[in-house]
Amino acid sequence: MRVAVLASGSGTILEAMIVGDIPVIFVLTDRKCTAADIARRHGVEHTLIPRNSFDKNFDRTKYTEEIRDVLEKKKIDLVVMAGFGTILEQPIYDTFGKNVLNTHPSLLPSFPGWNAVEDAMNFGVRVTGCTVHVATKEVDAGPILAQEAVEVHEDDSVETLHERIKVVERRLYLETVHKILKEGQVHIPTQKETDPK
């Protein structure tokens, strides 16, 4: 399977994938970011499709179609989102179906959205975690592929908890992608199979 990574930030998941023997052949970013530098450093082809508007007039569907078209030209089989900051529209899911993956720093369906770690702490949970899931148009709502729990410590801040979640997240994401590559397809597990470890 030909793997592309979509990234917007520091590129820590991207780098973990590359050094973890995921055959990433293409990296796409929506802004200037460290992830692009990581791709170049590892000799992975990179394309920037800049998001030039953050206003209400942003044409999300057209932008999504641009990304989809590039991925199709590269003959990508599996799209791995790694901190990609732009929510994409239906065209990418129409084309790639369940072969678009994402990760999220909570045990979905609890605490979806951008402030998951802070929301979990504010709610007072003692255990949170991370989730690898199939990406869909509805944010953080796709089928769950894998989850792992992370304990909340009494002295945690949002930052310290998030850093511990990220460590687990990188490993779990790699394990999930390796499994998909080995099986040659994305398998949607049963609820019992995805119960947090």
Protein backbone atom coordinates (compact mmCIF):
# COMPACT_ATOMS: atom_id res chain seq x y z
CA MET A 1 0.00 0.00 0.00
CA ARG A 2 1.26 3.47 -0.89
CA VAL A 3 1.07 5.72 2.19
CA ALA A 4 0.72 9.50 2.31
CA VAL A 5 0.87 11.57 5.49
CA LEU A 6 -1.07 14.84 5.87
CA ALA A 7 0.52 17.13 8.47
CA SER A 8 0.41 20.72 9.68
CA GLY A 9 2.70 21.00 12.66
CA SER A 10 5.78 19.65 14.40
CA GLY A 11 5.80 16.38 12.46
CA THR A 12 6.47 14.13 15.45
CA ILE A 13 3.99 11.50 14.25
CA LEU A 14 5.35 11.77 10.70
CA GLU A 15 8.90 11.21 11.90
CA ALA A 16 7.82 8.30 14.08
CA MET A 17 6.17 6.72 11.05
CA ILE A 18 9.21 7.19 8.82
CA VAL A 19 11.75 5.85 11.32
CA GLY A 20 9.25 3.15 12.33
CA ASP A 21 9.37 1.59 8.85
CA ILE A 22 6.03 2.84 7.56
CA PRO A 23 6.58 3.21 3.79
CA VAL A 24 5.61 6.88 3.58
CA ILE A 25 6.10 7.92 -0.04
CA PHE A 26 4.46 11.35 0.11
CA VAL A 27 3.83 14.13 2.61
CA LEU A 28 1.31 16.92 2.12
CA THR A 29 1.07 20.01 4.32
CA ASP A 30 -1.43 22.86 4.41
CA ARG A 31 1.01 25.48 5.79
CA LYS A 32 4.73 26.01 6.34
CA CYS A 33 5.69 23.74 9.20
CA THR A 34 8.36 21.50 10.68
CA ALA A 35 6.72 18.42 9.16
CA ALA A 36 7.85 19.62 5.72
CA ASP A 37 11.46 19.84 6.97
CA ILE A 38 11.21 16.31 8.35
CA ALA A 39 9.97 15.01 5.00
CA ARG A 40 12.88 16.68 3.19
CA ARG A 41 15.41 15.43 5.73
CA HIS A 42 14.25 11.85 5.17
CA GLY A 43 14.09 12.20 1.40
CA VAL A 44 10.29 11.86 1.23
CA GLU A 45 8.51 13.83 -1.49
CA HIS A 46 6.60 16.79 -0.08
CA THR A 47 3.96 19.14 -1.46
CA LEU A 48 2.53 22.24 0.16
CA ILE A 49 -1.06 23.09 -0.72
CA PRO A 50 -1.45 26.27 1.33
CA ARG A 51 -4.71 27.11 2.98
CA ASN A 52 -4.87 30.81 2.15
CA SER A 53 -8.09 31.65 3.97
CA PHE A 54 -9.33 31.12 7.50
CA ASP A 55 -12.45 33.21 6.93
CA LYS A 56 -16.05 32.09 6.46
CA ASN A 57 -15.55 32.37 2.69
CA PHE A 58 -13.00 29.52 2.69
CA ASP A 59 -14.03 27.05 -0.02
CA ARG A 60 -13.45 23.85 1.94
CA THR A 61 -14.83 21.59 -0.80
CA LYS A 62 -12.59 23.06 -3.50
CA TYR A 63 -9.57 22.84 -1.20
CA THR A 64 -10.39 19.20 -0.40
CA GLU A 65 -10.68 18.43 -4.11
CA GLU A 66 -7.20 19.88 -4.68
CA ILE A 67 -5.77 17.57 -2.03
CA ARG A 68 -7.71 14.57 -3.30
CA ASP A 69 -6.51 15.16 -6.86
CA VAL A 70 -2.86 15.28 -5.80
CA LEU A 71 -3.22 12.10 -3.76
CA GLU A 72 -4.89 10.34 -6.68
CA LYS A 73 -2.07 11.39 -9.03
CA LYS A 74 0.43 9.89 -6.59
CA LYS A 75 -1.63 6.68 -6.58
CA ILE A 76 -1.97 6.76 -2.80
CA ASP A 77 -3.75 3.85 -1.12
CA LEU A 78 -3.71 4.92 2.54
CA VAL A 79 -4.00 8.51 3.82
CA VAL A 80 -2.66 9.05 7.34
CA MET A 81 -3.55 12.34 9.02
CA ALA A 82 -0.92 13.40 11.53
CA GLY A 83 -1.93 16.64 13.20
CA PHE A 84 -3.46 17.96 9.99
CA GLY A 85 -5.12 21.25 10.88
CA THR A 86 -7.73 21.62 8.13
CA ILE A 87 -11.03 19.76 8.32
CA LEU A 88 -11.65 18.18 4.93
CA GLU A 89 -14.92 17.77 3.08
CA GLN A 90 -16.71 14.78 1.61
CA PRO A 91 -14.76 14.45 -1.70
CA ILE A 92 -11.72 12.87 -0.02
CA TYR A 93 -13.92 10.31 1.75
CA ASP A 94 -15.84 9.57 -1.43
CA THR A 95 -12.54 8.72 -3.13
CA PHE A 96 -10.57 6.98 -0.37
CA GLY A 97 -13.41 5.59 1.76
CA LYS A 98 -12.19 4.02 4.99
CA ASN A 99 -8.55 4.41 3.93
CA VAL A 100 -8.25 7.81 5.62
CA LEU A 101 -6.98 7.54 9.19
CA ASN A 102 -6.68 9.97 12.08
CA THR A 103 -5.68 9.93 15.72
CA HIS A 104 -7.23 11.75 18.66
CA PRO A 105 -6.06 12.39 22.25
CA SER A 106 -9.03 10.93 24.09
CA LEU A 107 -10.99 7.70 24.33
CA LEU A 108 -13.60 8.49 21.73
CA PRO A 109 -16.53 8.98 21.65
CA SER A 110 -15.68 10.93 24.83
CA PHE A 111 -14.20 14.40 24.37
CA PRO A 112 -14.13 14.92 20.61
CA GLY A 113 -12.83 18.20 19.19
CA TRP A 114 -9.75 20.38 19.47
CA ASN A 115 -9.60 20.67 23.28
CA ALA A 116 -9.89 17.00 24.17
CA VAL A 117 -7.18 16.88 26.84
CA GLU A 118 -8.35 20.05 28.56
CA ASP A 119 -11.98 18.90 28.37
CA ALA A 120 -11.10 15.55 29.94
CA MET A 121 -9.25 17.24 32.80
CA ASN A 122 -12.03 19.76 33.38
CA PHE A 123 -14.53 16.90 33.55
CA GLY A 124 -12.41 15.27 36.22
CA VAL A 125 -11.76 11.89 34.61
CA ARG A 126 -9.12 9.65 36.16
CA VAL A 127 -8.41 7.86 32.89
CA THR A 128 -8.30 9.22 29.36
CA GLY A 129 -6.20 8.03 26.43
CA CYS A 130 -5.97 8.08 22.68
CA THR A 131 -7.88 6.69 19.73
CA VAL A 132 -6.90 5.74 16.19
CA HIS A 133 -9.95 5.93 13.95
CA VAL A 134 -11.17 6.09 10.39
CA ALA A 135 -11.58 9.76 9.48
CA THR A 136 -14.98 10.91 8.27
CA LYS A 137 -16.58 14.24 7.38
CA GLU A 138 -18.00 14.36 10.90
CA VAL A 139 -15.00 15.20 13.08
CA ASP A 140 -13.79 12.46 15.46
CA ALA A 141 -16.81 10.29 14.70
CA GLY A 142 -15.45 7.56 12.39
CA PRO A 143 -15.11 3.87 13.24
CA ILE A 144 -12.59 3.18 15.99
CA LEU A 145 -9.58 1.06 15.03
CA ALA A 146 -7.60 1.07 18.29
CA GLN A 147 -7.61 2.71 21.71
CA GLU A 148 -5.30 2.81 24.69
CA ALA A 149 -5.90 4.26 28.14
CA VAL A 150 -3.66 6.80 29.88
CA GLU A 151 -4.04 7.49 33.59
CA VAL A 152 -4.52 11.08 34.74
CA HIS A 153 -2.15 11.96 37.59
CA GLU A 154 -3.19 14.29 40.41
CA ASP A 155 -0.39 16.73 39.60
CA ASP A 156 -1.01 16.71 35.83
CA SER A 157 -1.38 19.87 33.82
CA VAL A 158 -2.96 19.82 30.38
CA GLU A 159 0.57 19.94 28.93
CA THR A 160 2.04 17.07 30.96
CA LEU A 161 -0.96 14.84 30.35
CA HIS A 162 -0.96 15.63 26.64
CA GLU A 163 2.75 14.76 26.37
CA ARG A 164 2.15 11.34 27.95
CA ILE A 165 -0.80 10.76 25.63
CA LYS A 166 1.37 11.68 22.62
CA VAL A 167 3.93 9.02 23.52
CA VAL A 168 1.22 6.34 23.54
CA GLU A 169 -0.47 7.87 20.49
CA ARG A 170 2.65 7.62 18.30
CA ARG A 171 3.19 3.97 19.22
CA LEU A 172 -0.47 2.98 18.85
CA TYR A 173 -0.77 4.77 15.49
CA LEU A 174 2.30 2.96 14.15
CA GLU A 175 1.05 -0.40 15.39
CA THR A 176 -2.33 0.21 13.72
CA VAL A 177 -0.82 1.27 10.39
CA HIS A 178 1.60 -1.67 10.41
CA LYS A 179 -1.35 -4.02 10.96
CA ILE A 180 -3.24 -2.45 8.05
CA LEU A 181 -0.22 -2.78 5.78
CA LYS A 182 0.26 -6.41 6.79
CA GLU A 183 -3.42 -7.24 6.16
CA GLY A 184 -3.59 -5.12 3.01
CA GLN A 185 -6.79 -3.39 4.10
CA VAL A 186 -8.45 -1.40 6.87
CA HIS A 187 -10.39 -3.78 9.09
CA ILE A 188 -13.14 -2.25 11.23
CA PRO A 189 -12.94 -4.17 14.52
CA THR A 190 -15.79 -5.03 16.85
CA GLN A 191 -16.39 -3.05 20.06
CA LYS A 192 -14.75 -5.83 22.08
CA GLU A 193 -11.62 -5.68 19.92
CA THR A 194 -11.25 -1.93 20.47
CA ASP A 195 -11.85 -1.78 24.23
CA PRO A 196 -9.00 0.32 25.66
CA LYS A 197 -5.94 -1.65 26.76
